[in-house]
Amino acid sequence: MSDTPQQLLHLVIGGELVDLEHVTFKDLDKVEVVGLYPNYASAYTAWKAKAQQTVDNAHMRYFIVHLHRLLDPATDKTH
C-alpha cells in the first residue's frame, strides 16, 4: 500500500458566458484555467476566490469540473 493520499482531481475554469441560460463561453480563447486541485475543498476555495473577484460581471462564471469522475467513474462521489 502506498502512503500517498487518494487524489480526487478537480479543475477550476471560468470565463464570460454568452448568456445566463446556457454554459456557452463567449470566447474560448479567453477561458481561464484557474488550476488543478487534488480535492474538492481546495478547488472550492480557488473557485470562490475567483468568483468573488468577478462579482460585478453577471456573465462571468467559474466552474469546478470533477475530473476524477471522468478519469475513474468508480470514484463518483458527492464531491
Protein backbone atom coordinates (compact mmCIF):
# COMPACT_ATOMS: atom_id res chain seq x y z
CA MET A 1 0.00 0.00 0.00
CA SER A 2 1.13 3.50 -0.77
CA ASP A 3 1.20 6.31 1.78
CA THR A 4 0.06 8.73 -0.93
CA PRO A 5 -3.40 10.12 -0.14
CA GLN A 6 -6.15 9.48 -2.68
CA GLN A 7 -6.47 12.25 -5.23
CA LEU A 8 -9.90 13.26 -6.44
CA LEU A 9 -8.77 15.69 -9.12
CA HIS A 10 -10.79 18.85 -9.75
CA LEU A 11 -10.27 21.54 -12.37
CA VAL A 12 -11.41 25.14 -11.90
CA ILE A 13 -12.12 27.10 -15.09
CA GLY A 14 -14.06 30.21 -15.93
CA GLY A 15 -14.90 32.86 -18.43
CA GLU A 16 -17.58 35.12 -19.78
CA LEU A 17 -20.77 33.41 -20.92
CA VAL A 18 -22.85 34.33 -23.97
CA ASP A 19 -25.99 34.40 -21.81
CA LEU A 20 -27.11 33.31 -18.36
CA GLU A 21 -29.33 30.49 -19.64
CA HIS A 22 -26.52 28.29 -21.01
CA VAL A 23 -22.94 27.33 -20.31
CA THR A 24 -21.57 28.65 -23.59
CA PHE A 25 -18.41 30.71 -23.33
CA LYS A 26 -18.32 33.97 -25.29
CA ASP A 27 -14.68 33.45 -26.36
CA LEU A 28 -12.93 30.10 -25.82
CA ASP A 29 -9.55 31.78 -26.22
CA LYS A 30 -10.30 33.78 -23.08
CA VAL A 31 -11.43 30.88 -20.87
CA GLU A 32 -9.23 30.94 -17.79
CA VAL A 33 -7.80 27.75 -16.35
CA VAL A 34 -7.53 28.66 -12.68
CA GLY A 35 -5.88 25.41 -11.67
CA LEU A 36 -5.92 21.70 -10.96
CA TYR A 37 -6.61 20.63 -7.38
CA PRO A 38 -6.26 17.31 -5.51
CA ASN A 39 -9.64 17.55 -3.74
CA TYR A 40 -12.95 19.38 -3.77
CA ALA A 41 -12.16 21.56 -0.74
CA SER A 42 -9.12 23.18 -2.33
CA ALA A 43 -10.92 23.55 -5.68
CA TYR A 44 -13.85 25.21 -3.90
CA THR A 45 -11.51 27.69 -2.20
CA ALA A 46 -9.99 28.66 -5.57
CA TRP A 47 -13.42 28.81 -7.25
CA LYS A 48 -14.83 31.05 -4.53
CA ALA A 49 -11.89 33.46 -4.71
CA LYS A 50 -12.21 33.84 -8.49
CA ALA A 51 -16.00 34.15 -8.35
CA GLN A 52 -15.74 36.91 -5.75
CA GLN A 53 -13.20 38.81 -7.89
CA THR A 54 -15.65 38.96 -10.79
CA VAL A 55 -18.89 39.53 -8.88
CA ASP A 56 -19.59 42.77 -10.80
CA ASN A 57 -19.84 40.93 -14.15
CA ALA A 58 -23.00 38.81 -14.19
CA HIS A 59 -21.84 36.92 -17.30
CA MET A 60 -18.52 35.85 -15.78
CA ARG A 61 -18.76 32.36 -14.33
CA TYR A 62 -16.32 29.89 -12.82
CA PHE A 63 -16.88 26.15 -12.60
CA ILE A 64 -15.47 23.18 -10.74
CA VAL A 65 -15.00 20.20 -13.06
CA HIS A 66 -14.84 16.84 -11.30
CA LEU A 67 -12.01 15.31 -13.34
CA HIS A 68 -11.86 12.24 -11.12
CA ARG A 69 -15.33 11.29 -12.37
CA LEU A 70 -14.09 11.35 -15.96
CA LEU A 71 -10.84 9.54 -15.23
CA ASP A 72 -12.35 6.87 -12.99
CA PRO A 73 -16.15 6.66 -12.80
CA ALA A 74 -15.84 4.41 -9.73
CA THR A 75 -14.78 7.49 -7.73
CA ASP A 76 -18.08 9.24 -8.46
CA LYS A 77 -19.00 10.57 -5.02
CA THR A 78 -20.78 13.70 -3.88
CA HIS A 79 -17.56 15.75 -4.15
